[in-house]
Amino acid sequence: RYKTVFFCEESTSPDLNPIENLWKELKTAVHKCSPSNLTELELFCKEEWEKISVSRCAKLIETYPKRLTAVIAAKGGATKY
């Protein structure tokens, strides 16, 4: 339908990278679970990652224009995202 080309470098612009929301959610879930070893951590992360719905990802992608506008308005500074 639409072809979008991104020219930003997300590693230096985390406000623009929607996956940061998913990482935060995963970190919060891991903190609550408190796995006792690396194997438990890996298993838990895989299980939590599988729970992320396609619609959740789509909603995050849909926020990209708002994220971009916010970063431009902040002149490259931090945003609420």
Protein backbone atom coordinates (compact mmCIF):
# COMPACT_ATOMS: atom_id res chain seq x y z
CA ARG A 1 0.00 0.00 0.00
CA TYR A 2 2.42 2.64 1.19
CA LYS A 3 6.13 2.46 0.91
CA THR A 4 7.99 4.14 3.74
CA VAL A 5 11.70 4.77 3.70
CA PHE A 6 13.41 5.65 6.98
CA PHE A 7 16.56 7.69 6.93
CA CYS A 8 17.15 8.13 10.63
CA GLU A 9 19.68 6.16 12.57
CA GLU A 10 17.61 4.63 15.36
CA SER A 11 20.65 3.75 17.44
CA THR A 12 21.24 7.46 17.95
CA SER A 13 17.53 8.34 17.94
CA PRO A 14 15.79 5.93 20.34
CA ASP A 15 12.75 8.25 20.49
CA LEU A 16 12.10 7.27 16.89
CA ASN A 17 12.45 3.54 17.36
CA PRO A 18 9.12 1.93 18.34
CA ILE A 19 10.80 -1.30 19.42
CA GLU A 20 12.13 0.55 22.46
CA ASN A 21 8.58 0.32 23.87
CA LEU A 22 8.65 -3.45 23.50
CA TRP A 23 12.08 -3.72 25.12
CA LYS A 24 10.81 -1.67 28.07
CA GLU A 25 7.79 -3.95 28.45
CA LEU A 26 10.01 -7.03 28.28
CA LYS A 27 12.43 -5.60 30.86
CA THR A 28 9.53 -4.84 33.20
CA ALA A 29 8.17 -8.38 32.83
CA VAL A 30 11.63 -9.88 33.47
CA HIS A 31 12.05 -7.74 36.57
CA LYS A 32 8.72 -9.00 37.94
CA CYS A 33 9.57 -12.63 37.14
CA SER A 34 13.10 -12.51 38.58
CA PRO A 35 14.54 -15.55 36.79
CA SER A 36 17.17 -17.31 38.86
CA ASN A 37 19.50 -18.32 36.04
CA LEU A 38 20.31 -17.66 32.40
CA THR A 39 18.24 -20.59 31.14
CA GLU A 40 15.13 -19.34 32.94
CA LEU A 41 15.78 -15.83 31.64
CA GLU A 42 16.07 -17.03 28.05
CA LEU A 43 12.93 -19.16 28.29
CA PHE A 44 10.95 -16.38 29.93
CA CYS A 45 12.05 -13.81 27.33
CA LYS A 46 11.10 -16.12 24.47
CA GLU A 47 7.68 -16.76 26.02
CA GLU A 48 7.04 -13.07 26.63
CA TRP A 49 8.21 -12.14 23.13
CA GLU A 50 5.78 -14.67 21.63
CA LYS A 51 2.93 -12.96 23.50
CA ILE A 52 3.46 -9.69 21.61
CA SER A 53 0.64 -9.39 19.11
CA VAL A 54 0.90 -8.24 15.54
CA SER A 55 -1.66 -5.54 16.34
CA ARG A 56 0.55 -4.24 19.18
CA CYS A 57 3.46 -3.96 16.75
CA ALA A 58 1.25 -2.30 14.15
CA LYS A 59 0.07 0.29 16.68
CA LEU A 60 3.66 1.13 17.55
CA ILE A 61 4.56 1.50 13.88
CA GLU A 62 1.55 3.76 13.38
CA THR A 63 3.01 6.13 16.00
CA TYR A 64 6.10 6.75 13.87
CA PRO A 65 4.82 9.97 12.24
CA LYS A 66 3.94 11.38 15.68
CA ARG A 67 7.36 10.39 17.00
CA LEU A 68 9.09 12.04 14.08
CA THR A 69 7.04 15.23 14.45
CA ALA A 70 7.79 15.33 18.19
CA VAL A 71 11.54 14.97 17.64
CA ILE A 72 11.49 17.70 14.99
CA ALA A 73 9.51 19.98 17.33
CA ALA A 74 12.03 19.26 20.10
CA LYS A 75 14.84 20.09 17.66
CA GLY A 76 16.36 16.67 18.18
CA GLY A 77 15.90 16.72 21.93
CA ALA A 78 14.05 14.26 24.13
CA THR A 79 10.34 13.66 23.66
CA LYS A 80 7.61 11.86 25.59
CA TYR A 81 8.25 8.83 23.43
